[in-house]
Amino acid sequence: MEAIIKTGGHQYRIKDGDVIKVQKLEGSVGDTVKFDQVLLIKDGESVKVGTPTVDGAVVEGKIVEQGREKKIIVFFYRNKTRNRKKNGHRQPFTKVKIERIVSEVKDNG
């Protein structure tokens, strides 16, 4: 079973057992996380596409790690004016192990 979820302004294609790195979520290591913005679910041959989300679909995962990325250098430079600024940035992230994909899709027919 596969799904496409949306969290933190990004979309992720996932399967059961995947470990994904998403933007920082609240919680500590070992906590359970539920993603309710499921955009698509694929189960074998059947595909359910949401408008914009699939009703009743939830992806459950467990937080594996909370951390920060490697430092990137942000350098601002304007030529001929001695105008320079150098900053560093470390983006926080959360690693989540996908436990299961639940699709309780209700047919309207």
PDB file of N, CA and C in Angstrom:
ATOM      1  N   MET A   1       0.841  -1.177   0.000  1.00  0.00           N
ATOM      2  CA  MET A   1       0.000   0.000   0.000  1.00  0.00           C
ATOM      3  C   MET A   1       0.887   1.242   0.000  1.00  0.00           C
ATOM      4  N   GLU A   2       0.567   2.198  -0.860  1.00  0.00           N
ATOM      5  CA  GLU A   2       1.317   3.443  -0.969  1.00  0.00           C
ATOM      6  C   GLU A   2       0.371   4.611  -0.754  1.00  0.00           C
ATOM      7  N   ALA A   3       0.954   5.754  -0.380  1.00  0.00           N
ATOM      8  CA  ALA A   3       0.147   6.954  -0.190  1.00  0.00           C
ATOM      9  C   ALA A   3       1.008   8.180  -0.470  1.00  0.00           C
ATOM     10  N   ILE A   4       0.336   9.279  -0.723  1.00  0.00           N
ATOM     11  CA  ILE A   4       0.996  10.575  -0.819  1.00  0.00           C
ATOM     12  C   ILE A   4       0.381  11.453   0.262  1.00  0.00           C
ATOM     13  N   ILE A   5       1.236  11.964   1.155  1.00  0.00           N
ATOM     14  CA  ILE A   5       0.757  12.797   2.248  1.00  0.00           C
ATOM     15  C   ILE A   5       1.338  14.198   2.111  1.00  0.00           C
ATOM     16  N   LYS A   6       0.704  15.138   2.797  1.00  0.00           N
ATOM     17  CA  LYS A   6       1.180  16.516   2.797  1.00  0.00           C
ATOM     18  C   LYS A   6       1.417  16.925   4.251  1.00  0.00           C
ATOM     19  N   THR A   7       2.629  17.422   4.540  1.00  0.00           N
ATOM     20  CA  THR A   7       2.952  17.934   5.861  1.00  0.00           C
ATOM     21  C   THR A   7       4.042  18.978   5.728  1.00  0.00           C
ATOM     22  N   GLY A   8       3.919  20.040   6.466  1.00  0.00           N
ATOM     23  CA  GLY A   8       4.929  21.085   6.455  1.00  0.00           C
ATOM     24  C   GLY A   8       5.116  21.758   5.112  1.00  0.00           C
ATOM     25  N   GLY A   9       4.065  21.786   4.289  1.00  0.00           N
ATOM     26  CA  GLY A   9       4.168  22.424   2.982  1.00  0.00           C
ATOM     27  C   GLY A   9       4.818  21.564   1.915  1.00  0.00           C
ATOM     28  N   HIS A  10       5.131  20.310   2.237  1.00  0.00           N
ATOM     29  CA  HIS A  10       5.758  19.396   1.279  1.00  0.00           C
ATOM     30  C   HIS A  10       4.887  18.164   1.120  1.00  0.00           C
ATOM     31  N   GLN A  11       5.050  17.476  -0.015  1.00  0.00           N
ATOM     32  CA  GLN A  11       4.337  16.231  -0.263  1.00  0.00           C
ATOM     33  C   GLN A  11       5.342  15.088  -0.297  1.00  0.00           C
ATOM     34  N   TYR A  12       4.955  13.947   0.298  1.00  0.00           N
ATOM     35  CA  TYR A  12       5.839  12.792   0.402  1.00  0.00           C
ATOM     36  C   TYR A  12       5.110  11.554  -0.100  1.00  0.00           C
ATOM     37  N   ARG A  13       5.802  10.746  -0.900  1.00  0.00           N
ATOM     38  CA  ARG A  13       5.286   9.454  -1.351  1.00  0.00           C
ATOM     39  C   ARG A  13       5.832   8.406  -0.404  1.00  0.00           C
ATOM     40  N   ILE A  14       4.950   7.649   0.245  1.00  0.00           N
ATOM     41  CA  ILE A  14       5.374   6.735   1.301  1.00  0.00           C
ATOM     42  C   ILE A  14       4.775   5.347   1.107  1.00  0.00           C
ATOM     43  N   LYS A  15       5.412   4.380   1.778  1.00  0.00           N
ATOM     44  CA  LYS A  15       4.933   3.006   1.871  1.00  0.00           C
ATOM     45  C   LYS A  15       5.026   2.596   3.337  1.00  0.00           C
ATOM     46  N   ASP A  16       4.449   1.458   3.679  1.00  0.00           N
ATOM     47  CA  ASP A  16       4.578   0.938   5.043  1.00  0.00           C
ATOM     48  C   ASP A  16       6.041   0.653   5.339  1.00  0.00           C
ATOM     49  N   GLY A  17       6.521   1.092   6.495  1.00  0.00           N
ATOM     50  CA  GLY A  17       7.892   0.824   6.904  1.00  0.00           C
ATOM     51  C   GLY A  17       8.911   1.851   6.469  1.00  0.00           C
ATOM     52  N   ASP A  18       8.520   2.834   5.661  1.00  0.00           N
ATOM     53  CA  ASP A  18       9.449   3.881   5.235  1.00  0.00           C
ATOM     54  C   ASP A  18       9.833   4.781   6.401  1.00  0.00           C
ATOM     55  N   VAL A  19      11.044   5.313   6.335  1.00  0.00           N
ATOM     56  CA  VAL A  19      11.493   6.332   7.283  1.00  0.00           C
ATOM     57  C   VAL A  19      11.687   7.611   6.484  1.00  0.00           C
ATOM     58  N   ILE A  20      10.923   8.652   6.847  1.00  0.00           N
ATOM     59  CA  ILE A  20      10.980   9.911   6.110  1.00  0.00           C
ATOM     60  C   ILE A  20      11.448  11.025   7.035  1.00  0.00           C
ATOM     61  N   LYS A  21      12.083  12.019   6.442  1.00  0.00           N
ATOM     62  CA  LYS A  21      12.559  13.188   7.171  1.00  0.00           C
ATOM     63  C   LYS A  21      11.664  14.357   6.782  1.00  0.00           C
ATOM     64  N   VAL A  22      10.879  14.852   7.756  1.00  0.00           N
ATOM     65  CA  VAL A  22       9.937  15.939   7.506  1.00  0.00           C
ATOM     66  C   VAL A  22      10.326  17.151   8.330  1.00  0.00           C
ATOM     67  N   GLN A  23       9.685  18.285   8.056  1.00  0.00           N
ATOM     68  CA  GLN A  23       9.940  19.468   8.868  1.00  0.00           C
ATOM     69  C   GLN A  23       9.478  19.208  10.289  1.00  0.00           C
ATOM     70  N   LYS A  24      10.065  19.914  11.234  1.00  0.00           N
ATOM     71  CA  LYS A  24       9.900  19.631  12.658  1.00  0.00           C
ATOM     72  C   LYS A  24       8.439  19.514  13.074  1.00  0.00           C
ATOM     73  N   LEU A  25       8.148  18.407  13.791  1.00  0.00           N
ATOM     74  CA  LEU A  25       6.841  18.154  14.378  1.00  0.00           C
ATOM     75  C   LEU A  25       6.981  18.173  15.893  1.00  0.00           C
ATOM     76  N   GLU A  26       5.904  18.550  16.574  1.00  0.00           N
ATOM     77  CA  GLU A  26       5.912  18.533  18.032  1.00  0.00           C
ATOM     78  C   GLU A  26       5.880  17.088  18.522  1.00  0.00           C
ATOM     79  N   GLY A  27       6.595  16.817  19.603  1.00  0.00           N
ATOM     80  CA  GLY A  27       6.623  15.482  20.174  1.00  0.00           C
ATOM     81  C   GLY A  27       8.042  15.038  20.441  1.00  0.00           C
ATOM     82  N   SER A  28       8.169  13.949  21.188  1.00  0.00           N
ATOM     83  CA  SER A  28       9.489  13.420  21.505  1.00  0.00           C
ATOM     84  C   SER A  28       9.639  12.043  20.856  1.00  0.00           C
ATOM     85  N   VAL A  29      10.835  11.498  20.959  1.00  0.00           N
ATOM     86  CA  VAL A  29      11.140  10.203  20.341  1.00  0.00           C
ATOM     87  C   VAL A  29      10.238   9.133  20.947  1.00  0.00           C
ATOM     88  N   GLY A  30       9.606   8.343  20.082  1.00  0.00           N
ATOM     89  CA  GLY A  30       8.711   7.288  20.522  1.00  0.00           C
ATOM     90  C   GLY A  30       7.237   7.667  20.462  1.00  0.00           C
ATOM     91  N   ASP A  31       6.927   8.947  20.312  1.00  0.00           N
ATOM     92  CA  ASP A  31       5.532   9.380  20.220  1.00  0.00           C
ATOM     93  C   ASP A  31       4.931   8.972  18.880  1.00  0.00           C
ATOM     94  N   THR A  32       3.603   8.809  18.863  1.00  0.00           N
ATOM     95  CA  THR A  32       2.884   8.469  17.645  1.00  0.00           C
ATOM     96  C   THR A  32       2.392   9.743  16.972  1.00  0.00           C
ATOM     97  N   VAL A  33       2.509   9.773  15.643  1.00  0.00           N
ATOM     98  CA  VAL A  33       2.098  10.928  14.847  1.00  0.00           C
ATOM     99  C   VAL A  33       1.075  10.449  13.826  1.00  0.00           C
ATOM    100  N   LYS A  34       0.021  11.258  13.618  1.00  0.00           N
ATOM    101  CA  LYS A  34      -0.984  10.934  12.602  1.00  0.00           C
ATOM    102  C   LYS A  34      -1.002  12.036  11.553  1.00  0.00           C
ATOM    103  N   PHE A  35      -0.919  11.620  10.295  1.00  0.00           N
ATOM    104  CA  PHE A  35      -1.022  12.541   9.171  1.00  0.00           C
ATOM    105  C   PHE A  35      -2.408  12.344   8.560  1.00  0.00           C
ATOM    106  N   ASP A  36      -3.255  13.381   8.626  1.00  0.00           N
ATOM    107  CA  ASP A  36      -4.608  13.239   8.106  1.00  0.00           C
ATOM    108  C   ASP A  36      -4.789  13.889   6.738  1.00  0.00           C
ATOM    109  N   GLN A  37      -3.767  14.585   6.245  1.00  0.00           N
ATOM    110  CA  GLN A  37      -3.836  15.157   4.901  1.00  0.00           C
ATOM    111  C   GLN A  37      -3.257  14.155   3.905  1.00  0.00           C
ATOM    112  N   VAL A  38      -4.062  13.152   3.571  1.00  0.00           N
ATOM    113  CA  VAL A  38      -3.664  12.110   2.623  1.00  0.00           C
ATOM    114  C   VAL A  38      -4.252  12.485   1.267  1.00  0.00           C
ATOM    115  N   LEU A  39      -3.381  12.714   0.292  1.00  0.00           N
ATOM    116  CA  LEU A  39      -3.820  13.176  -1.019  1.00  0.00           C
ATOM    117  C   LEU A  39      -4.163  12.040  -1.965  1.00  0.00           C
ATOM    118  N   LEU A  40      -3.526  10.868  -1.782  1.00  0.00           N
ATOM    119  CA  LEU A  40      -3.735   9.738  -2.686  1.00  0.00           C
ATOM    120  C   LEU A  40      -3.428   8.452  -1.945  1.00  0.00           C
ATOM    121  N   ILE A  41      -4.189   7.399  -2.229  1.00  0.00           N
ATOM    122  CA  ILE A  41      -3.905   6.067  -1.687  1.00  0.00           C
ATOM    123  C   ILE A  41      -3.944   5.076  -2.836  1.00  0.00           C
ATOM    124  N   LYS A  42      -2.903   4.234  -2.904  1.00  0.00           N
ATOM    125  CA  LYS A  42      -2.826   3.199  -3.931  1.00  0.00           C
ATOM    126  C   LYS A  42      -2.712   1.861  -3.218  1.00  0.00           C
ATOM    127  N   ASP A  43      -3.704   0.989  -3.455  1.00  0.00           N
ATOM    128  CA  ASP A  43      -3.722  -0.333  -2.847  1.00  0.00           C
ATOM    129  C   ASP A  43      -3.840  -1.361  -3.960  1.00  0.00           C
ATOM    130  N   GLY A  44      -2.699  -1.867  -4.398  1.00  0.00           N
ATOM    131  CA  GLY A  44      -2.699  -2.799  -5.516  1.00  0.00           C
ATOM    132  C   GLY A  44      -3.088  -2.092  -6.801  1.00  0.00           C
ATOM    133  N   GLU A  45      -4.233  -2.480  -7.374  1.00  0.00           N
ATOM    134  CA  GLU A  45      -4.699  -1.871  -8.617  1.00  0.00           C
ATOM    135  C   GLU A  45      -5.615  -0.677  -8.371  1.00  0.00           C
ATOM    136  N   SER A  46      -6.240  -0.597  -7.195  1.00  0.00           N
ATOM    137  CA  SER A  46      -7.182   0.494  -6.947  1.00  0.00           C
ATOM    138  C   SER A  46      -6.444   1.744  -6.467  1.00  0.00           C
ATOM    139  N   VAL A  47      -6.856   2.879  -7.004  1.00  0.00           N
ATOM    140  CA  VAL A  47      -6.252   4.160  -6.655  1.00  0.00           C
ATOM    141  C   VAL A  47      -7.364   5.106  -6.234  1.00  0.00           C
ATOM    142  N   LYS A  48      -7.216   5.698  -5.064  1.00  0.00           N
ATOM    143  CA  LYS A  48      -8.178   6.686  -4.571  1.00  0.00           C
ATOM    144  C   LYS A  48      -7.484   8.039  -4.542  1.00  0.00           C
ATOM    145  N   VAL A  49      -8.017   9.001  -5.285  1.00  0.00           N
ATOM    146  CA  VAL A  49      -7.455  10.341  -5.345  1.00  0.00           C
ATOM    147  C   VAL A  49      -8.394  11.273  -4.604  1.00  0.00           C
ATOM    148  N   GLY A  50      -7.850  12.065  -3.703  1.00  0.00           N
ATOM    149  CA  GLY A  50      -8.656  12.975  -2.917  1.00  0.00           C
ATOM    150  C   GLY A  50      -8.946  14.271  -3.639  1.00  0.00           C
ATOM    151  N   THR A  51      -9.980  14.964  -3.154  1.00  0.00           N
ATOM    152  CA  THR A  51     -10.323  16.272  -3.705  1.00  0.00           C
ATOM    153  C   THR A  51     -10.518  17.268  -2.580  1.00  0.00           C
ATOM    154  N   PRO A  52      -9.569  17.831  -1.952  1.00  0.00           N
ATOM    155  CA  PRO A  52      -8.133  17.643  -2.113  1.00  0.00           C
ATOM    156  C   PRO A  52      -7.579  16.483  -1.293  1.00  0.00           C
ATOM    157  N   THR A  53      -8.316  15.995  -0.260  1.00  0.00           N
ATOM    158  CA  THR A  53      -7.808  14.874   0.534  1.00  0.00           C
ATOM    159  C   THR A  53      -8.788  13.713   0.465  1.00  0.00           C
ATOM    160  N   VAL A  54      -8.279  12.504   0.778  1.00  0.00           N
ATOM    161  CA  VAL A  54      -9.103  11.305   0.794  1.00  0.00           C
ATOM    162  C   VAL A  54      -9.826  11.254   2.140  1.00  0.00           C
ATOM    163  N   ASP A  55     -11.154  11.168   2.112  1.00  0.00           N
ATOM    164  CA  ASP A  55     -11.940  11.134   3.342  1.00  0.00           C
ATOM    165  C   ASP A  55     -11.680   9.850   4.118  1.00  0.00           C
ATOM    166  N   GLY A  56     -11.455   9.982   5.421  1.00  0.00           N
ATOM    167  CA  GLY A  56     -11.275   8.826   6.292  1.00  0.00           C
ATOM    168  C   GLY A  56      -9.911   8.170   6.227  1.00  0.00           C
ATOM    169  N   ALA A  57      -8.998   8.715   5.464  1.00  0.00           N
ATOM    170  CA  ALA A  57      -7.664   8.123   5.336  1.00  0.00           C
ATOM    171  C   ALA A  57      -6.706   8.780   6.325  1.00  0.00           C
ATOM    172  N   VAL A  58      -5.918   7.940   6.999  1.00  0.00           N
ATOM    173  CA  VAL A  58      -4.953   8.418   7.984  1.00  0.00           C
ATOM    174  C   VAL A  58      -3.678   7.597   7.847  1.00  0.00           C
ATOM    175  N   VAL A  59      -2.543   8.274   7.981  1.00  0.00           N
ATOM    176  CA  VAL A  59      -1.246   7.590   7.997  1.00  0.00           C
ATOM    177  C   VAL A  59      -0.675   7.764   9.396  1.00  0.00           C
ATOM    178  N   GLU A  60      -0.305   6.642  10.007  1.00  0.00           N
ATOM    179  CA  GLU A  60       0.240   6.667  11.361  1.00  0.00           C
ATOM    180  C   GLU A  60       1.724   6.357  11.325  1.00  0.00           C
ATOM    181  N   GLY A  61       2.470   7.066  12.143  1.00  0.00           N
ATOM    182  CA  GLY A  61       3.913   6.855  12.216  1.00  0.00           C
ATOM    183  C   GLY A  61       4.422   7.068  13.621  1.00  0.00           C
ATOM    184  N   LYS A  62       5.691   6.744  13.825  1.00  0.00           N
ATOM    185  CA  LYS A  62       6.328   6.899  15.123  1.00  0.00           C
ATOM    186  C   LYS A  62       7.579   7.749  14.951  1.00  0.00           C
ATOM    187  N   ILE A  63       7.782   8.715  15.847  1.00  0.00           N
ATOM    188  CA  ILE A  63       8.941   9.586  15.774  1.00  0.00           C
ATOM    189  C   ILE A  63      10.187   8.793  16.157  1.00  0.00           C
ATOM    190  N   VAL A  64      11.174   8.792  15.264  1.00  0.00           N
ATOM    191  CA  VAL A  64      12.419   8.064  15.473  1.00  0.00           C
ATOM    192  C   VAL A  64      13.512   8.992  15.986  1.00  0.00           C
ATOM    193  N   GLU A  65      13.534  10.234  15.462  1.00  0.00           N
ATOM    194  CA  GLU A  65      14.620  11.153  15.808  1.00  0.00           C
ATOM    195  C   GLU A  65      14.151  12.592  15.633  1.00  0.00           C
ATOM    196  N   GLN A  66      14.619  13.463  16.520  1.00  0.00           N
ATOM    197  CA  GLN A  66      14.468  14.912  16.374  1.00  0.00           C
ATOM    198  C   GLN A  66      15.878  15.463  16.205  1.00  0.00           C
ATOM    199  N   GLY A  67      16.091  16.329  15.239  1.00  0.00           N
ATOM    200  CA  GLY A  67      17.450  16.824  15.029  1.00  0.00           C
ATOM    201  C   GLY A  67      17.473  18.088  14.202  1.00  0.00           C
ATOM    202  N   ARG A  68      18.700  18.466  13.819  1.00  0.00           N
ATOM    203  CA  ARG A  68      18.905  19.633  12.963  1.00  0.00           C
ATOM    204  C   ARG A  68      19.854  19.256  11.841  1.00  0.00           C
ATOM    205  N   GLU A  69      19.583  19.841  10.666  1.00  0.00           N
ATOM    206  CA  GLU A  69      20.397  19.566   9.486  1.00  0.00           C
ATOM    207  C   GLU A  69      21.787  20.163   9.630  1.00  0.00           C
ATOM    208  N   LYS A  70      22.669  19.856   8.659  1.00  0.00           N
ATOM    209  CA  LYS A  70      23.983  20.481   8.620  1.00  0.00           C
ATOM    210  C   LYS A  70      23.833  21.968   8.370  1.00  0.00           C
ATOM    211  N   LYS A  71      24.789  22.735   8.827  1.00  0.00           N
ATOM    212  CA  LYS A  71      24.729  24.185   8.667  1.00  0.00           C
ATOM    213  C   LYS A  71      24.963  24.575   7.211  1.00  0.00           C
ATOM    214  N   ILE A  72      24.127  25.487   6.732  1.00  0.00           N
ATOM    215  CA  ILE A  72      24.350  26.073   5.422  1.00  0.00           C
ATOM    216  C   ILE A  72      24.706  27.545   5.629  1.00  0.00           C
ATOM    217  N   ILE A  73      25.527  28.070   4.750  1.00  0.00           N
ATOM    218  CA  ILE A  73      25.980  29.454   4.840  1.00  0.00           C
ATOM    219  C   ILE A  73      25.099  30.313   3.936  1.00  0.00           C
ATOM    220  N   VAL A  74      24.548  31.381   4.509  1.00  0.00           N
ATOM    221  CA  VAL A  74      23.751  32.342   3.759  1.00  0.00           C
ATOM    222  C   VAL A  74      24.599  33.603   3.656  1.00  0.00           C
ATOM    223  N   PHE A  75      25.055  33.928   2.437  1.00  0.00           N
ATOM    224  CA  PHE A  75      25.967  35.056   2.241  1.00  0.00           C
ATOM    225  C   PHE A  75      25.298  36.092   1.356  1.00  0.00           C
ATOM    226  N   PHE A  76      25.138  37.302   1.879  1.00  0.00           N
ATOM    227  CA  PHE A  76      24.554  38.423   1.152  1.00  0.00           C
ATOM    228  C   PHE A  76      25.680  39.352   0.746  1.00  0.00           C
ATOM    229  N   TYR A  77      25.739  39.721  -0.536  1.00  0.00           N
ATOM    230  CA  TYR A  77      26.823  40.553  -1.036  1.00  0.00           C
ATOM    231  C   TYR A  77      26.282  41.537  -2.053  1.00  0.00           C
ATOM    232  N   ARG A  78      26.664  42.795  -1.911  1.00  0.00           N
ATOM    233  CA  ARG A  78      26.312  43.820  -2.884  1.00  0.00           C
ATOM    234  C   ARG A  78      27.626  44.449  -3.349  1.00  0.00           C
ATOM    235  N   ASN A  79      27.921  44.340  -4.634  1.00  0.00           N
ATOM    236  CA  ASN A  79      29.234  44.768  -5.120  1.00  0.00           C
ATOM    237  C   ASN A  79      29.388  46.294  -5.102  1.00  0.00           C
ATOM    238  N   LYS A  80      30.610  46.736  -5.022  1.00  0.00           N
ATOM    239  CA  LYS A  80      31.029  48.143  -5.069  1.00  0.00           C
ATOM    240  C   LYS A  80      30.563  48.974  -3.867  1.00  0.00           C
ATOM    241  N   THR A  81      30.046  48.356  -2.817  1.00  0.00           N
ATOM    242  CA  THR A  81      29.554  49.138  -1.684  1.00  0.00           C
ATOM    243  C   THR A  81      30.077  48.651  -0.333  1.00  0.00           C
ATOM    244  N   ARG A  82      30.905  47.633  -0.303  1.00  0.00           N
ATOM    245  CA  ARG A  82      31.386  47.018   0.941  1.00  0.00           C
ATOM    246  C   ARG A  82      30.230  46.513   1.811  1.00  0.00           C
ATOM    247  N   ASN A  83      29.176  46.107   1.178  1.00  0.00           N
ATOM    248  CA  ASN A  83      27.996  45.639   1.892  1.00  0.00           C
ATOM    249  C   ASN A  83      27.973  44.114   1.857  1.00  0.00           C
ATOM    250  N   ARG A  84      28.242  43.469   2.991  1.00  0.00           N
ATOM    251  CA  ARG A  84      28.283  42.007   3.083  1.00  0.00           C
ATOM    252  C   ARG A  84      27.642  41.568   4.377  1.00  0.00           C
ATOM    253  N   LYS A  85      27.008  40.412   4.331  1.00  0.00           N
ATOM    254  CA  LYS A  85      26.443  39.835   5.540  1.00  0.00           C
ATOM    255  C   LYS A  85      26.544  38.313   5.427  1.00  0.00           C
ATOM    256  N   LYS A  86      27.068  37.662   6.449  1.00  0.00           N
ATOM    257  CA  LYS A  86      27.237  36.212   6.447  1.00  0.00           C
ATOM    258  C   LYS A  86      26.491  35.629   7.635  1.00  0.00           C
ATOM    259  N   ASN A  87      25.571  34.721   7.348  1.00  0.00           N
ATOM    260  CA  ASN A  87      24.797  34.042   8.389  1.00  0.00           C
ATOM    261  C   ASN A  87      24.845  32.540   8.153  1.00  0.00           C
ATOM    262  N   GLY A  88      24.599  31.783   9.198  1.00  0.00           N
ATOM    263  CA  GLY A  88      24.461  30.342   9.088  1.00  0.00           C
ATOM    264  C   GLY A  88      23.042  29.951   9.458  1.00  0.00           C
ATOM    265  N   HIS A  89      22.595  28.801   8.956  1.00  0.00           N
ATOM    266  CA  HIS A  89      21.236  28.338   9.253  1.00  0.00           C
ATOM    267  C   HIS A  89      21.239  26.820   9.364  1.00  0.00           C
ATOM    268  N   ARG A  90      20.564  26.299  10.407  1.00  0.00           N
ATOM    269  CA  ARG A  90      20.366  24.859  10.570  1.00  0.00           C
ATOM    270  C   ARG A  90      18.878  24.603  10.696  1.00  0.00           C
ATOM    271  N   GLN A  91      18.322  23.875   9.740  1.00  0.00           N
ATOM    272  CA  GLN A  91      16.889  23.603   9.705  1.00  0.00           C
ATOM    273  C   GLN A  91      16.558  22.419  10.619  1.00  0.00           C
ATOM    274  N   PRO A  92      15.622  22.571  11.544  1.00  0.00           N
ATOM    275  CA  PRO A  92      15.211  21.434  12.383  1.00  0.00           C
ATOM    276  C   PRO A  92      14.382  20.440  11.575  1.00  0.00           C
ATOM    277  N   PHE A  93      14.486  19.145  11.921  1.00  0.00           N
ATOM    278  CA  PHE A  93      13.738  18.107  11.228  1.00  0.00           C
ATOM    279  C   PHE A  93      13.271  17.048  12.215  1.00  0.00           C
ATOM    280  N   THR A  94      12.358  16.212  11.751  1.00  0.00           N
ATOM    281  CA  THR A  94      11.867  15.063  12.504  1.00  0.00           C
ATOM    282  C   THR A  94      11.895  13.855  11.580  1.00  0.00           C
ATOM    283  N   LYS A  95      12.503  12.756  12.038  1.00  0.00           N
ATOM    284  CA  LYS A  95      12.462  11.505  11.282  1.00  0.00           C
ATOM    285  C   LYS A  95      11.288  10.681  11.799  1.00  0.00           C
ATOM    286  N   VAL A  96      10.449  10.222  10.871  1.00  0.00           N
ATOM    287  CA  VAL A  96       9.251   9.471  11.221  1.00  0.00           C
ATOM    288  C   VAL A  96       9.272   8.131  10.491  1.00  0.00           C
ATOM    289  N   LYS A  97       9.021   7.043  11.244  1.00  0.00           N
ATOM    290  CA  LYS A  97       8.888   5.714  10.635  1.00  0.00           C
ATOM    291  C   LYS A  97       7.405   5.460  10.441  1.00  0.00           C
ATOM    292  N   ILE A  98       7.015   5.171   9.207  1.00  0.00           N
ATOM    293  CA  ILE A  98       5.609   4.951   8.876  1.00  0.00           C
ATOM    294  C   ILE A  98       5.196   3.571   9.374  1.00  0.00           C
ATOM    295  N   GLU A  99       4.217   3.533  10.269  1.00  0.00           N
ATOM    296  CA  GLU A  99       3.735   2.279  10.851  1.00  0.00           C
ATOM    297  C   GLU A  99       2.654   1.639   9.987  1.00  0.00           C
ATOM    298  N   ARG A 100       1.616   2.424   9.649  1.00  0.00           N
ATOM    299  CA  ARG A 100       0.544   1.850   8.832  1.00  0.00           C
ATOM    300  C   ARG A 100      -0.234   2.942   8.122  1.00  0.00           C
ATOM    301  N   ILE A 101      -0.878   2.531   7.028  1.00  0.00           N
ATOM    302  CA  ILE A 101      -1.718   3.412   6.230  1.00  0.00           C
ATOM    303  C   ILE A 101      -3.141   2.896   6.346  1.00  0.00           C
ATOM    304  N   VAL A 102      -4.034   3.703   6.903  1.00  0.00           N
ATOM    305  CA  VAL A 102      -5.420   3.303   7.125  1.00  0.00           C
ATOM    306  C   VAL A 102      -6.295   4.032   6.127  1.00  0.00           C
ATOM    307  N   SER A 103      -7.049   3.282   5.333  1.00  0.00           N
ATOM    308  CA  SER A 103      -7.958   3.922   4.371  1.00  0.00           C
ATOM    309  C   SER A 103      -9.357   3.385   4.631  1.00  0.00           C
ATOM    310  N   GLU A 104     -10.136   4.160   5.314  1.00  0.00           N
ATOM    311  CA  GLU A 104     -11.539   3.826   5.543  1.00  0.00           C
ATOM    312  C   GLU A 104     -12.365   4.659   4.595  1.00  0.00           C
ATOM    313  N   VAL A 105     -12.241   4.379   3.310  1.00  0.00           N
ATOM    314  CA  VAL A 105     -12.889   5.173   2.284  1.00  0.00           C
ATOM    315  C   VAL A 105     -14.346   4.735   2.179  1.00  0.00           C
ATOM    316  N   LYS A 106     -15.240   5.710   2.231  1.00  0.00           N
ATOM    317  CA  LYS A 106     -16.669   5.446   2.136  1.00  0.00           C
ATOM    318  C   LYS A 106     -17.123   5.713   0.709  1.00  0.00           C
ATOM    319  N   ASP A 107     -17.742   4.723   0.081  1.00  0.00           N
ATOM    320  CA  ASP A 107     -18.260   4.927  -1.273  1.00  0.00           C
ATOM    321  C   ASP A 107     -19.595   5.647  -1.199  1.00  0.00           C
ATOM    322  N   ASN A 108     -19.832   6.553  -2.111  1.00  0.00           N
ATOM    323  CA  ASN A 108     -21.085   7.314  -2.138  1.00  0.00           C
ATOM    324  C   ASN A 108     -22.091   6.696  -3.097  1.00  0.00           C
ATOM    325  N   GLY A 109     -22.168   5.385  -3.142  1.00  0.00           N
ATOM    326  CA  GLY A 109     -23.080   4.789  -4.105  1.00  0.00           C
ATOM    327  C   GLY A 109     -23.888   3.691  -3.583  1.00  0.00           C
TER     328      GLY A 109
END
